Amino acid sequence: GILSDAAIGHGLTWENDPYWTYWVTKSFLIFTV
């Protein structure tokens, strides 16, 4: 999920970088939920 978000969402569609704290926090959120 975080790979899909990084590549398709933030890379291909938005073309922005929310920075590494976003990826770490969201990975834990996905795992938890």
PDB file of all heavy atoms in Angstrom:
ATOM      1  N   GLY A   1       0.808  -1.210   0.000  1.00  0.00           N
ATOM      2  CA  GLY A   1       0.000   0.000   0.000  1.00  0.00           C
ATOM      3  C   GLY A   1       0.842   1.261   0.000  1.00  0.00           C
ATOM      4  O   GLY A   1       0.562   2.209  -0.747  1.00  0.00           O
ATOM      5  N   ILE A   2       1.887   1.296   0.831  1.00  0.00           N
ATOM      6  CA  ILE A   2       2.717   2.503   0.870  1.00  0.00           C
ATOM      7  C   ILE A   2       3.513   2.638  -0.412  1.00  0.00           C
ATOM      8  O   ILE A   2       3.784   3.756  -0.882  1.00  0.00           O
ATOM      9  CB  ILE A   2       3.647   2.480   2.111  1.00  0.00           C
ATOM     10  CG1 ILE A   2       4.086   3.905   2.468  1.00  0.00           C
ATOM     11  CG2 ILE A   2       4.849   1.585   1.896  1.00  0.00           C
ATOM     12  CD1 ILE A   2       2.992   4.774   2.973  1.00  0.00           C
ATOM     13  N   LEU A   3       3.894   1.505  -1.037  1.00  0.00           N
ATOM     14  CA  LEU A   3       4.556   1.562  -2.334  1.00  0.00           C
ATOM     15  C   LEU A   3       3.614   2.120  -3.396  1.00  0.00           C
ATOM     16  O   LEU A   3       3.995   2.986  -4.198  1.00  0.00           O
ATOM     17  CB  LEU A   3       5.036   0.168  -2.737  1.00  0.00           C
ATOM     18  CG  LEU A   3       5.590   0.029  -4.157  1.00  0.00           C
ATOM     19  CD1 LEU A   3       6.823   0.897  -4.342  1.00  0.00           C
ATOM     20  CD2 LEU A   3       5.913  -1.432  -4.462  1.00  0.00           C
ATOM     21  N   SER A   4       2.375   1.644  -3.416  1.00  0.00           N
ATOM     22  CA  SER A   4       1.389   2.149  -4.365  1.00  0.00           C
ATOM     23  C   SER A   4       1.120   3.625  -4.142  1.00  0.00           C
ATOM     24  O   SER A   4       0.991   4.408  -5.094  1.00  0.00           O
ATOM     25  CB  SER A   4       0.092   1.338  -4.233  1.00  0.00           C
ATOM     26  OG  SER A   4      -0.927   1.855  -5.050  1.00  0.00           O
ATOM     27  N   ASP A   5       1.037   4.045  -2.891  1.00  0.00           N
ATOM     28  CA  ASP A   5       0.803   5.446  -2.570  1.00  0.00           C
ATOM     29  C   ASP A   5       1.959   6.309  -3.063  1.00  0.00           C
ATOM     30  O   ASP A   5       1.753   7.363  -3.675  1.00  0.00           O
ATOM     31  CB  ASP A   5       0.627   5.595  -1.060  1.00  0.00           C
ATOM     32  CG  ASP A   5       0.320   7.026  -0.641  1.00  0.00           C
ATOM     33  OD1 ASP A   5      -0.341   7.737  -1.420  1.00  0.00           O
ATOM     34  OD2 ASP A   5       0.730   7.433   0.460  1.00  0.00           O
ATOM     35  N   ALA A   6       3.191   5.864  -2.794  1.00  0.00           N
ATOM     36  CA  ALA A   6       4.362   6.642  -3.192  1.00  0.00           C
ATOM     37  C   ALA A   6       4.461   6.766  -4.707  1.00  0.00           C
ATOM     38  O   ALA A   6       4.698   7.862  -5.245  1.00  0.00           O
ATOM     39  CB  ALA A   6       5.630   6.000  -2.626  1.00  0.00           C
ATOM     40  N   ALA A   7       4.283   5.635  -5.417  1.00  0.00           N
ATOM     41  CA  ALA A   7       4.498   5.636  -6.853  1.00  0.00           C
ATOM     42  C   ALA A   7       3.315   6.207  -7.619  1.00  0.00           C
ATOM     43  O   ALA A   7       3.468   7.176  -8.387  1.00  0.00           O
ATOM     44  CB  ALA A   7       4.787   4.208  -7.331  1.00  0.00           C
ATOM     45  N   ILE A   8       2.124   5.632  -7.433  1.00  0.00           N
ATOM     46  CA  ILE A   8       0.970   6.025  -8.232  1.00  0.00           C
ATOM     47  C   ILE A   8       0.340   7.316  -7.711  1.00  0.00           C
ATOM     48  O   ILE A   8      -0.064   8.180  -8.489  1.00  0.00           O
ATOM     49  CB  ILE A   8      -0.086   4.898  -8.258  1.00  0.00           C
ATOM     50  CG1 ILE A   8       0.560   3.571  -8.660  1.00  0.00           C
ATOM     51  CG2 ILE A   8      -1.222   5.262  -9.202  1.00  0.00           C
ATOM     52  CD1 ILE A   8       1.226   3.596 -10.008  1.00  0.00           C
ATOM     53  N   GLY A   9       0.239   7.458  -6.375  1.00  0.00           N
ATOM     54  CA  GLY A   9      -0.390   8.643  -5.812  1.00  0.00           C
ATOM     55  C   GLY A   9       0.509   9.861  -5.855  1.00  0.00           C
ATOM     56  O   GLY A   9       0.267  10.817  -6.610  1.00  0.00           O
ATOM     57  N   HIS A  10       1.579   9.835  -5.079  1.00  0.00           N
ATOM     58  CA  HIS A  10       2.428  11.023  -4.939  1.00  0.00           C
ATOM     59  C   HIS A  10       3.417  11.179  -6.084  1.00  0.00           C
ATOM     60  O   HIS A  10       3.879  12.297  -6.336  1.00  0.00           O
ATOM     61  CB  HIS A  10       3.168  10.971  -3.608  1.00  0.00           C
ATOM     62  CG  HIS A  10       2.278  11.190  -2.423  1.00  0.00           C
ATOM     63  ND1 HIS A  10       1.936  12.445  -1.982  1.00  0.00           N
ATOM     64  CD2 HIS A  10       1.633  10.311  -1.614  1.00  0.00           C
ATOM     65  CE1 HIS A  10       1.133  12.344  -0.936  1.00  0.00           C
ATOM     66  NE2 HIS A  10       0.929  11.050  -0.701  1.00  0.00           N
ATOM     67  N   GLY A  11       3.777  10.101  -6.775  1.00  0.00           N
ATOM     68  CA  GLY A  11       4.715  10.216  -7.874  1.00  0.00           C
ATOM     69  C   GLY A  11       4.049  10.522  -9.200  1.00  0.00           C
ATOM     70  O   GLY A  11       4.297  11.563  -9.812  1.00  0.00           O
ATOM     71  N   LEU A  12       3.183   9.626  -9.654  1.00  0.00           N
ATOM     72  CA  LEU A  12       2.589   9.747 -10.979  1.00  0.00           C
ATOM     73  C   LEU A  12       1.452  10.764 -11.031  1.00  0.00           C
ATOM     74  O   LEU A  12       1.308  11.487 -12.016  1.00  0.00           O
ATOM     75  CB  LEU A  12       2.081   8.374 -11.431  1.00  0.00           C
ATOM     76  CG  LEU A  12       1.468   8.269 -12.825  1.00  0.00           C
ATOM     77  CD1 LEU A  12       2.493   8.653 -13.884  1.00  0.00           C
ATOM     78  CD2 LEU A  12       0.948   6.862 -13.073  1.00  0.00           C
ATOM     79  N   THR A  13       0.635  10.849  -9.983  1.00  0.00           N
ATOM     80  CA  THR A  13      -0.569  11.687 -10.031  1.00  0.00           C
ATOM     81  C   THR A  13      -0.334  13.084  -9.460  1.00  0.00           C
ATOM     82  O   THR A  13      -0.630  14.090 -10.111  1.00  0.00           O
ATOM     83  CB  THR A  13      -1.715  10.996  -9.274  1.00  0.00           C
ATOM     84  OG1 THR A  13      -1.893   9.678  -9.797  1.00  0.00           O
ATOM     85  CG2 THR A  13      -3.010  11.775  -9.432  1.00  0.00           C
ATOM     86  N   TRP A  14       0.184  13.179  -8.230  1.00  0.00           N
ATOM     87  CA  TRP A  14       0.406  14.499  -7.624  1.00  0.00           C
ATOM     88  C   TRP A  14       1.786  15.067  -7.942  1.00  0.00           C
ATOM     89  O   TRP A  14       1.966  16.269  -7.977  1.00  0.00           O
ATOM     90  CB  TRP A  14       0.242  14.432  -6.104  1.00  0.00           C
ATOM     91  CG  TRP A  14      -1.169  14.403  -5.648  1.00  0.00           C
ATOM     92  CD1 TRP A  14      -2.179  15.236  -6.027  1.00  0.00           C
ATOM     93  CD2 TRP A  14      -1.743  13.490  -4.695  1.00  0.00           C
ATOM     94  NE1 TRP A  14      -3.339  14.911  -5.382  1.00  0.00           N
ATOM     95  CE2 TRP A  14      -3.102  13.840  -4.549  1.00  0.00           C
ATOM     96  CE3 TRP A  14      -1.249  12.422  -3.956  1.00  0.00           C
ATOM     97  CZ2 TRP A  14      -3.957  13.157  -3.695  1.00  0.00           C
ATOM     98  CZ3 TRP A  14      -2.096  11.736  -3.111  1.00  0.00           C
ATOM     99  CH2 TRP A  14      -3.443  12.104  -2.983  1.00  0.00           C
ATOM    100  N   GLU A  15       2.789  14.199  -8.079  1.00  0.00           N
ATOM    101  CA  GLU A  15       4.168  14.619  -8.301  1.00  0.00           C
ATOM    102  C   GLU A  15       4.639  15.549  -7.184  1.00  0.00           C
ATOM    103  O   GLU A  15       5.050  16.686  -7.401  1.00  0.00           O
ATOM    104  CB  GLU A  15       4.315  15.298  -9.660  1.00  0.00           C
ATOM    105  CG  GLU A  15       5.659  15.046 -10.339  1.00  0.00           C
ATOM    106  CD  GLU A  15       6.723  16.073  -9.996  1.00  0.00           C
ATOM    107  OE1 GLU A  15       6.375  17.265  -9.942  1.00  0.00           O
ATOM    108  OE2 GLU A  15       7.883  15.690  -9.790  1.00  0.00           O
ATOM    109  N   ASN A  16       4.521  15.051  -5.942  1.00  0.00           N
ATOM    110  CA  ASN A  16       5.029  15.808  -4.805  1.00  0.00           C
ATOM    111  C   ASN A  16       5.671  14.853  -3.803  1.00  0.00           C
ATOM    112  O   ASN A  16       5.579  13.635  -3.936  1.00  0.00           O
ATOM    113  CB  ASN A  16       3.931  16.651  -4.146  1.00  0.00           C
ATOM    114  CG  ASN A  16       2.798  15.798  -3.595  1.00  0.00           C
ATOM    115  OD1 ASN A  16       2.900  14.585  -3.450  1.00  0.00           O
ATOM    116  ND2 ASN A  16       1.681  16.441  -3.281  1.00  0.00           N
ATOM    117  N   ASP A  17       6.322  15.410  -2.824  1.00  0.00           N
ATOM    118  CA  ASP A  17       7.084  14.617  -1.858  1.00  0.00           C
ATOM    119  C   ASP A  17       6.690  15.049  -0.448  1.00  0.00           C
ATOM    120  O   ASP A  17       7.077  16.123   0.010  1.00  0.00           O
ATOM    121  CB  ASP A  17       8.578  14.852  -2.082  1.00  0.00           C
ATOM    122  CG  ASP A  17       9.450  14.032  -1.133  1.00  0.00           C
ATOM    123  OD1 ASP A  17       8.904  13.251  -0.340  1.00  0.00           O
ATOM    124  OD2 ASP A  17      10.688  14.180  -1.196  1.00  0.00           O
ATOM    125  N   PRO A  18       5.907  14.235   0.265  1.00  0.00           N
ATOM    126  CA  PRO A  18       5.522  14.607   1.631  1.00  0.00           C
ATOM    127  C   PRO A  18       6.612  14.370   2.670  1.00  0.00           C
ATOM    128  O   PRO A  18       6.412  14.671   3.842  1.00  0.00           O
ATOM    129  CB  PRO A  18       4.293  13.734   1.907  1.00  0.00           C
ATOM    130  CG  PRO A  18       4.348  12.629   0.935  1.00  0.00           C
ATOM    131  CD  PRO A  18       5.210  13.029  -0.206  1.00  0.00           C
ATOM    132  N   TYR A  19       7.743  13.808   2.288  1.00  0.00           N
ATOM    133  CA  TYR A  19       8.935  13.608   3.117  1.00  0.00           C
ATOM    134  C   TYR A  19       8.816  12.338   3.950  1.00  0.00           C
ATOM    135  O   TYR A  19       7.749  11.746   4.082  1.00  0.00           O
ATOM    136  CB  TYR A  19       9.210  14.833   3.994  1.00  0.00           C
ATOM    137  CG  TYR A  19      10.673  15.067   4.268  1.00  0.00           C
ATOM    138  CD1 TYR A  19      11.631  14.929   3.273  1.00  0.00           C
ATOM    139  CD2 TYR A  19      11.121  15.426   5.534  1.00  0.00           C
ATOM    140  CE1 TYR A  19      12.969  15.153   3.528  1.00  0.00           C
ATOM    141  CE2 TYR A  19      12.468  15.667   5.790  1.00  0.00           C
ATOM    142  CZ  TYR A  19      13.386  15.511   4.784  1.00  0.00           C
ATOM    143  OH  TYR A  19      14.707  15.720   5.044  1.00  0.00           O
ATOM    144  N   TRP A  20       9.969  11.923   4.498  1.00  0.00           N
ATOM    145  CA  TRP A  20      10.081  10.571   5.058  1.00  0.00           C
ATOM    146  C   TRP A  20       9.201  10.363   6.279  1.00  0.00           C
ATOM    147  O   TRP A  20       8.739   9.246   6.528  1.00  0.00           O
ATOM    148  CB  TRP A  20      11.538  10.256   5.398  1.00  0.00           C
ATOM    149  CG  TRP A  20      12.158  11.108   6.466  1.00  0.00           C
ATOM    150  CD1 TRP A  20      12.867  12.253   6.288  1.00  0.00           C
ATOM    151  CD2 TRP A  20      12.131  10.874   7.882  1.00  0.00           C
ATOM    152  NE1 TRP A  20      13.284  12.764   7.491  1.00  0.00           N
ATOM    153  CE2 TRP A  20      12.855  11.936   8.491  1.00  0.00           C
ATOM    154  CE3 TRP A  20      11.586   9.883   8.689  1.00  0.00           C
ATOM    155  CZ2 TRP A  20      13.028  12.023   9.863  1.00  0.00           C
ATOM    156  CZ3 TRP A  20      11.761   9.978  10.069  1.00  0.00           C
ATOM    157  CH2 TRP A  20      12.480  11.036  10.636  1.00  0.00           C
ATOM    158  N   THR A  21       8.907  11.416   7.057  1.00  0.00           N
ATOM    159  CA  THR A  21       8.067  11.213   8.240  1.00  0.00           C
ATOM    160  C   THR A  21       6.650  10.795   7.853  1.00  0.00           C
ATOM    161  O   THR A  21       5.995  10.045   8.579  1.00  0.00           O
ATOM    162  CB  THR A  21       8.009  12.501   9.077  1.00  0.00           C
ATOM    163  OG1 THR A  21       7.762  13.613   8.209  1.00  0.00           O
ATOM    164  CG2 THR A  21       9.317  12.720   9.808  1.00  0.00           C
ATOM    165  N   TYR A  22       6.175  11.263   6.711  1.00  0.00           N
ATOM    166  CA  TYR A  22       4.862  10.861   6.207  1.00  0.00           C
ATOM    167  C   TYR A  22       4.853   9.371   5.903  1.00  0.00           C
ATOM    168  O   TYR A  22       3.923   8.650   6.285  1.00  0.00           O
ATOM    169  CB  TYR A  22       4.536  11.674   4.962  1.00  0.00           C
ATOM    170  CG  TYR A  22       3.320  11.195   4.200  1.00  0.00           C
ATOM    171  CD1 TYR A  22       2.055  11.697   4.495  1.00  0.00           C
ATOM    172  CD2 TYR A  22       3.427  10.259   3.175  1.00  0.00           C
ATOM    173  CE1 TYR A  22       0.934  11.272   3.792  1.00  0.00           C
ATOM    174  CE2 TYR A  22       2.322   9.832   2.462  1.00  0.00           C
ATOM    175  CZ  TYR A  22       1.083  10.336   2.776  1.00  0.00           C
ATOM    176  OH  TYR A  22      -0.015   9.901   2.075  1.00  0.00           O
ATOM    177  N   TRP A  23       5.883   8.889   5.226  1.00  0.00           N
ATOM    178  CA  TRP A  23       5.920   7.469   4.846  1.00  0.00           C
ATOM    179  C   TRP A  23       5.981   6.571   6.082  1.00  0.00           C
ATOM    180  O   TRP A  23       5.309   5.543   6.136  1.00  0.00           O
ATOM    181  CB  TRP A  23       7.114   7.199   3.936  1.00  0.00           C
ATOM    182  CG  TRP A  23       7.178   8.089   2.730  1.00  0.00           C
ATOM    183  CD1 TRP A  23       8.179   8.960   2.404  1.00  0.00           C
ATOM    184  CD2 TRP A  23       6.189   8.222   1.704  1.00  0.00           C
ATOM    185  NE1 TRP A  23       7.879   9.629   1.248  1.00  0.00           N
ATOM    186  CE2 TRP A  23       6.668   9.193   0.785  1.00  0.00           C
ATOM    187  CE3 TRP A  23       4.959   7.628   1.468  1.00  0.00           C
ATOM    188  CZ2 TRP A  23       5.958   9.568  -0.340  1.00  0.00           C
ATOM    189  CZ3 TRP A  23       4.250   7.993   0.340  1.00  0.00           C
ATOM    190  CH2 TRP A  23       4.741   8.948  -0.544  1.00  0.00           C
ATOM    191  N   VAL A  24       6.788   6.955   7.058  1.00  0.00           N
ATOM    192  CA  VAL A  24       6.899   6.135   8.270  1.00  0.00           C
ATOM    193  C   VAL A  24       5.572   6.131   9.028  1.00  0.00           C
ATOM    194  O   VAL A  24       5.055   5.071   9.424  1.00  0.00           O
ATOM    195  CB  VAL A  24       8.036   6.656   9.167  1.00  0.00           C
ATOM    196  CG1 VAL A  24       8.041   5.930  10.503  1.00  0.00           C
ATOM    197  CG2 VAL A  24       9.381   6.474   8.467  1.00  0.00           C
ATOM    198  N   THR A  25       5.004   7.321   9.238  1.00  0.00           N
ATOM    199  CA  THR A  25       3.745   7.407   9.988  1.00  0.00           C
ATOM    200  C   THR A  25       2.627   6.652   9.283  1.00  0.00           C
ATOM    201  O   THR A  25       1.871   5.899   9.910  1.00  0.00           O
ATOM    202  CB  THR A  25       3.343   8.885  10.166  1.00  0.00           C
ATOM    203  OG1 THR A  25       4.398   9.588  10.821  1.00  0.00           O
ATOM    204  CG2 THR A  25       2.076   9.008  10.986  1.00  0.00           C
ATOM    205  N   LYS A  26       2.522   6.832   7.978  1.00  0.00           N
ATOM    206  CA  LYS A  26       1.434   6.179   7.256  1.00  0.00           C
ATOM    207  C   LYS A  26       1.613   4.667   7.209  1.00  0.00           C
ATOM    208  O   LYS A  26       0.626   3.923   7.253  1.00  0.00           O
ATOM    209  CB  LYS A  26       1.340   6.735   5.834  1.00  0.00           C
ATOM    210  CG  LYS A  26       0.128   6.198   5.081  1.00  0.00           C
ATOM    211  CD  LYS A  26      -0.134   6.932   3.797  1.00  0.00           C
ATOM    212  CE  LYS A  26      -1.382   6.386   3.108  1.00  0.00           C
ATOM    213  NZ  LYS A  26      -1.699   7.111   1.875  1.00  0.00           N
ATOM    214  N   SER A  27       2.853   4.182   7.124  1.00  0.00           N
ATOM    215  CA  SER A  27       3.077   2.732   7.137  1.00  0.00           C
ATOM    216  C   SER A  27       2.581   2.111   8.434  1.00  0.00           C
ATOM    217  O   SER A  27       1.920   1.061   8.426  1.00  0.00           O
ATOM    218  CB  SER A  27       4.566   2.424   6.942  1.00  0.00           C
ATOM    219  OG  SER A  27       5.011   2.852   5.675  1.00  0.00           O
ATOM    220  N   PHE A  28       2.876   2.766   9.558  1.00  0.00           N
ATOM    221  CA  PHE A  28       2.376   2.262  10.840  1.00  0.00           C
ATOM    222  C   PHE A  28       0.854   2.336  10.899  1.00  0.00           C
ATOM    223  O   PHE A  28       0.192   1.454  11.451  1.00  0.00           O
ATOM    224  CB  PHE A  28       2.992   3.045  11.997  1.00  0.00           C
ATOM    225  CG  PHE A  28       4.359   2.570  12.384  1.00  0.00           C
ATOM    226  CD1 PHE A  28       5.488   3.333  12.124  1.00  0.00           C
ATOM    227  CD2 PHE A  28       4.526   1.345  13.016  1.00  0.00           C
ATOM    228  CE1 PHE A  28       6.749   2.886  12.477  1.00  0.00           C
ATOM    229  CE2 PHE A  28       5.781   0.894  13.380  1.00  0.00           C
ATOM    230  CZ  PHE A  28       6.903   1.664  13.105  1.00  0.00           C
ATOM    231  N   LEU A  29       0.272   3.400  10.333  1.00  0.00           N
ATOM    232  CA  LEU A  29      -1.180   3.525  10.327  1.00  0.00           C
ATOM    233  C   LEU A  29      -1.828   2.413   9.507  1.00  0.00           C
ATOM    234  O   LEU A  29      -2.818   1.804   9.937  1.00  0.00           O
ATOM    235  CB  LEU A  29      -1.576   4.895   9.770  1.00  0.00           C
ATOM    236  CG  LEU A  29      -3.085   5.152   9.631  1.00  0.00           C
ATOM    237  CD1 LEU A  29      -3.763   5.097  10.995  1.00  0.00           C
ATOM    238  CD2 LEU A  29      -3.343   6.486   8.951  1.00  0.00           C
ATOM    239  N   ILE A  30      -1.285   2.130   8.325  1.00  0.00           N
ATOM    240  CA  ILE A  30      -1.826   1.052   7.498  1.00  0.00           C
ATOM    241  C   ILE A  30      -1.741  -0.270   8.238  1.00  0.00           C
ATOM    242  O   ILE A  30      -2.708  -1.048   8.285  1.00  0.00           O
ATOM    243  CB  ILE A  30      -1.074   0.967   6.154  1.00  0.00           C
ATOM    244  CG1 ILE A  30      -1.236   2.255   5.355  1.00  0.00           C
ATOM    245  CG2 ILE A  30      -1.590  -0.208   5.331  1.00  0.00           C
ATOM    246  CD1 ILE A  30      -0.358   2.311   4.122  1.00  0.00           C
ATOM    247  N   PHE A  31      -0.592  -0.539   8.821  1.00  0.00           N
ATOM    248  CA  PHE A  31      -0.399  -1.805   9.545  1.00  0.00           C
ATOM    249  C   PHE A  31      -1.406  -1.926  10.684  1.00  0.00           C
ATOM    250  O   PHE A  31      -2.016  -2.986  10.890  1.00  0.00           O
ATOM    251  CB  PHE A  31       1.037  -1.871  10.081  1.00  0.00           C
ATOM    252  CG  PHE A  31       1.479  -3.255  10.454  1.00  0.00           C
ATOM    253  CD1 PHE A  31       2.428  -3.912   9.699  1.00  0.00           C
ATOM    254  CD2 PHE A  31       0.955  -3.900  11.570  1.00  0.00           C
ATOM    255  CE1 PHE A  31       2.846  -5.196  10.034  1.00  0.00           C
ATOM    256  CE2 PHE A  31       1.368  -5.166  11.916  1.00  0.00           C
ATOM    257  CZ  PHE A  31       2.306  -5.823  11.148  1.00  0.00           C
ATOM    258  N   THR A  32      -1.597  -0.843  11.419  1.00  0.00           N
ATOM    259  CA  THR A  32      -2.516  -0.884  12.561  1.00  0.00           C
ATOM    260  C   THR A  32      -3.953  -1.117  12.121  1.00  0.00           C
ATOM    261  O   THR A  32      -4.644  -2.020  12.616  1.00  0.00           O
ATOM    262  CB  THR A  32      -2.427   0.437  13.348  1.00  0.00           C
ATOM    263  OG1 THR A  32      -1.092   0.628  13.812  1.00  0.00           O
ATOM    264  CG2 THR A  32      -3.379   0.415  14.542  1.00  0.00           C
ATOM    265  N   VAL A  33      -4.434  -0.309  11.178  1.00  0.00           N
ATOM    266  CA  VAL A  33      -5.834  -0.403  10.762  1.00  0.00           C
ATOM    267  C   VAL A  33      -6.111  -1.735  10.088  1.00  0.00           C
ATOM    268  O   VAL A  33      -7.119  -2.403  10.389  1.00  0.00           O
ATOM    269  CB  VAL A  33      -6.190   0.773   9.836  1.00  0.00           C
ATOM    270  CG1 VAL A  33      -7.597   0.602   9.262  1.00  0.00           C
ATOM    271  CG2 VAL A  33      -6.087   2.096  10.582  1.00  0.00           C
TER     272      VAL A  33
END
